[in-house]
C-alpha cells in the first residue's frame, strides 16, 4: 500500500507511471529532482493532479506542501487538464501598467473565461503568470508556447480567434 513518504509504488496501474518512475530512478529519488520529476509527470499526463503530487512527494521524500508550492509557483505547471490551446498572460508590473487588465477583460468578454479557466469546449485555457521575464515587450503573453509582445486587447483576441477556426 502506498504511504505518504518513501513509497515508489505508483498510485494506479496506468502504464504511464513507468515513465515517471524511470525519471525518478534516473535522479536517484533525490529531493532536488523535484522540478524535473514534476516536468516528467506533466509531460506524461498533461497536468499535475493531487494524486500525482502526493506520489511525487512520497517517492522523493519531500513534504507535500513543498511539492504543491513548486507546482503552483511556476506557470508551466497545470493542476487541471488544459485546453488544446493555451494563452499565458503576464500580470507583472510592466505588463499590468501597459494594459493587461484591458486584455483580460477582452478575453473574458469574448470567451467567457478568466485566468485559470478553460472554455467549455476545451479549446482554450487562459493562465496568468506573475512575470514572463519579457518586460521590454509589455504587455506580453505566451500563446501556444510563443512569446508575443506589445499586445493590445484586439490583437490578443484576434490571435485567439485563429485557434477556433
Protein backbone atom coordinates (compact mmCIF):
# COMPACT_ATOMS: atom_id res chain seq x y z
CA UNK A 1 0.00 0.00 0.00
CA UNK A 2 1.20 3.47 -0.82
CA UNK A 3 2.14 5.58 2.19
CA UNK A 4 2.73 9.30 2.33
CA UNK A 5 6.53 9.06 2.50
CA UNK A 6 9.05 6.86 0.79
CA UNK A 7 6.95 4.68 -1.49
CA UNK A 8 7.82 4.22 -5.13
CA UNK A 9 4.67 2.24 -5.88
CA UNK A 10 2.59 4.16 -8.44
CA UNK A 11 -0.87 5.31 -7.38
CA UNK A 12 -2.54 3.37 -10.21
CA UNK A 13 -1.84 0.68 -12.77
CA UNK A 14 -1.65 3.27 -15.57
CA UNK A 15 1.46 2.32 -17.54
CA UNK A 16 2.45 5.99 -17.91
CA UNK A 17 3.64 5.88 -14.31
CA UNK A 18 6.59 3.80 -15.58
CA UNK A 19 7.88 6.88 -17.37
CA UNK A 20 7.66 8.89 -14.15
CA UNK A 21 9.31 6.09 -12.18
CA UNK A 22 12.17 5.91 -14.68
CA UNK A 23 12.78 9.64 -14.35
CA UNK A 24 12.89 9.42 -10.56
CA UNK A 25 15.23 6.39 -10.68
CA UNK A 26 17.49 8.28 -13.08
CA UNK A 27 17.85 11.00 -10.45
CA UNK A 28 18.19 8.56 -7.56
CA UNK A 29 14.90 9.60 -5.95
CA UNK A 30 16.69 12.72 -4.70
CA UNK A 31 14.56 15.58 -3.37
CA UNK A 32 16.47 18.03 -5.58
CA UNK A 33 14.95 16.24 -8.61
CA UNK A 34 11.52 17.64 -7.72
CA UNK A 35 11.15 20.07 -10.62
CA UNK A 36 12.46 17.56 -13.16
CA UNK A 37 10.06 14.94 -11.82
CA UNK A 38 7.11 17.32 -11.97
CA UNK A 39 8.05 18.17 -15.57
CA UNK A 40 8.00 14.45 -16.39
CA UNK A 41 4.58 13.98 -14.78
CA UNK A 42 3.21 17.00 -16.64
CA UNK A 43 4.63 15.84 -19.98
CA UNK A 44 3.27 12.34 -19.39
CA UNK A 45 -0.20 13.13 -18.07
CA UNK A 46 -0.73 16.71 -19.28
CA UNK A 47 -1.24 18.14 -15.81
CA UNK A 48 -0.49 17.57 -12.12
CA UNK A 49 -3.43 16.29 -10.10
CA UNK A 50 -3.49 15.72 -6.34
CA UNK A 51 -2.73 12.03 -6.78
CA UNK A 52 0.42 12.83 -8.77
CA UNK A 53 1.58 15.47 -6.27
CA UNK A 54 1.16 13.03 -3.38
CA UNK A 55 3.02 10.29 -5.24
CA UNK A 56 5.95 12.56 -6.10
CA UNK A 57 6.10 13.85 -2.51
CA UNK A 58 6.23 10.32 -1.15
CA UNK A 59 8.68 8.92 -3.65
CA UNK A 60 11.10 11.84 -3.32
CA UNK A 61 10.56 12.18 0.44
CA UNK A 62 9.59 15.84 0.11
CA UNK A 63 6.77 17.45 2.11
CA UNK A 64 3.54 17.65 0.11
CA UNK A 65 3.39 21.37 0.91
CA UNK A 66 6.73 21.88 -0.85
CA UNK A 67 5.62 19.90 -3.91
CA UNK A 68 2.40 21.90 -4.08
CA UNK A 69 4.34 25.15 -3.60
CA UNK A 70 6.63 24.37 -6.53
CA UNK A 71 3.72 23.22 -8.72
CA UNK A 72 1.78 26.43 -8.09
CA UNK A 73 4.75 28.82 -8.26
CA UNK A 74 5.82 28.05 -11.83
CA UNK A 75 3.32 28.95 -14.55
CA UNK A 76 4.46 25.97 -16.62
CA UNK A 77 2.70 23.54 -14.29
CA UNK A 78 -1.05 22.93 -14.52
CA UNK A 79 -3.16 21.45 -11.74
CA UNK A 80 -6.01 20.55 -14.06
CA UNK A 81 -6.35 19.49 -17.69
CA UNK A 82 -5.68 22.29 -20.14
CA UNK A 83 -7.37 23.21 -23.39
CA UNK A 84 -5.93 22.40 -26.78
CA UNK A 85 -4.55 25.96 -26.90
CA UNK A 86 -3.08 27.95 -24.02
CA UNK A 87 -2.69 31.68 -23.52
CA UNK A 88 -0.46 32.70 -20.60
CA UNK A 89 -0.91 36.39 -19.80
CA UNK A 90 1.82 38.17 -17.87
CA UNK A 91 0.44 40.10 -14.90
CA UNK A 92 3.78 41.57 -13.82
CA UNK A 93 4.11 45.26 -13.06
CA UNK A 94 5.27 46.38 -16.52
CA UNK A 95 2.57 44.38 -18.30
CA UNK A 96 -0.09 45.47 -15.86
CA UNK A 97 0.75 49.14 -16.31
CA UNK A 98 0.88 48.75 -20.10
CA UNK A 99 -2.62 47.28 -20.40
CA UNK A 100 -3.04 43.71 -19.18
CA UNK A 101 -6.30 44.48 -17.32
CA UNK A 102 -7.93 45.54 -20.62
CA UNK A 103 -6.59 42.43 -22.35
CA UNK A 104 -8.02 40.16 -19.65
CA UNK A 105 -11.37 41.96 -19.88
CA UNK A 106 -11.45 41.49 -23.66
CA UNK A 107 -10.70 37.77 -23.31
CA UNK A 108 -13.37 37.35 -20.64
CA UNK A 109 -15.96 39.19 -22.72
CA UNK A 110 -15.10 37.20 -25.86
CA UNK A 111 -14.55 33.73 -24.44
CA UNK A 112 -16.21 33.85 -21.02
CA UNK A 113 -13.08 32.70 -19.18
CA UNK A 114 -10.86 34.18 -16.52
CA UNK A 115 -7.28 33.18 -15.66
CA UNK A 116 -7.20 29.58 -14.51
CA UNK A 117 -10.21 28.60 -16.62
CA UNK A 118 -10.77 26.73 -19.87
CA UNK A 119 -13.53 27.32 -22.41
CA UNK A 120 -16.44 24.90 -22.14
CA UNK A 121 -15.44 23.26 -25.43
CA UNK A 122 -11.95 22.56 -24.05
CA UNK A 123 -10.32 24.57 -26.82
CA UNK A 124 -8.66 27.47 -24.94
CA UNK A 125 -7.13 27.75 -21.49
CA UNK A 126 -6.26 31.13 -20.01
CA UNK A 127 -3.44 31.25 -17.47
CA UNK A 128 -1.83 34.17 -15.70
CA UNK A 129 1.83 34.37 -14.72
CA UNK A 130 3.41 36.78 -12.29
CA UNK A 131 6.23 37.53 -14.73
CA UNK A 132 7.35 36.14 -18.06
CA UNK A 133 10.66 38.00 -17.97
CA UNK A 134 9.75 39.90 -21.12
CA UNK A 135 9.19 43.33 -19.62
CA UNK A 136 10.56 45.09 -22.70
CA UNK A 137 7.69 43.53 -24.69
CA UNK A 138 4.97 44.58 -22.24
CA UNK A 139 2.19 43.70 -22.31
CA UNK A 140 3.27 40.16 -23.13
CA UNK A 141 1.81 36.68 -23.32
CA UNK A 142 2.86 33.17 -24.23
CA UNK A 143 0.44 31.85 -26.82
CA UNK A 144 0.84 28.14 -27.51
CA UNK A 145 4.48 28.37 -26.49
CA UNK A 146 5.37 31.52 -28.43
CA UNK A 147 6.16 34.75 -26.59
CA UNK A 148 4.15 37.61 -28.07
CA UNK A 149 4.65 41.21 -27.01
CA UNK A 150 3.27 44.72 -27.34
CA UNK A 151 -0.23 43.24 -27.30
CA UNK A 152 -3.50 45.13 -27.45
CA UNK A 153 -6.85 43.70 -26.39
CA UNK A 154 -8.00 43.44 -30.03
CA UNK A 155 -4.78 41.81 -31.24
CA UNK A 156 -4.88 39.28 -28.40
CA UNK A 157 -8.47 38.28 -29.11
CA UNK A 158 -7.76 38.09 -32.85
CA UNK A 159 -4.80 35.78 -32.26
CA UNK A 160 -7.00 33.56 -30.10
CA UNK A 161 -9.73 33.53 -32.76
CA UNK A 162 -7.28 31.76 -35.07
CA UNK A 163 -7.47 28.82 -32.64
CA UNK A 164 -11.21 28.46 -33.12
CA UNK A 165 -11.16 28.14 -36.91
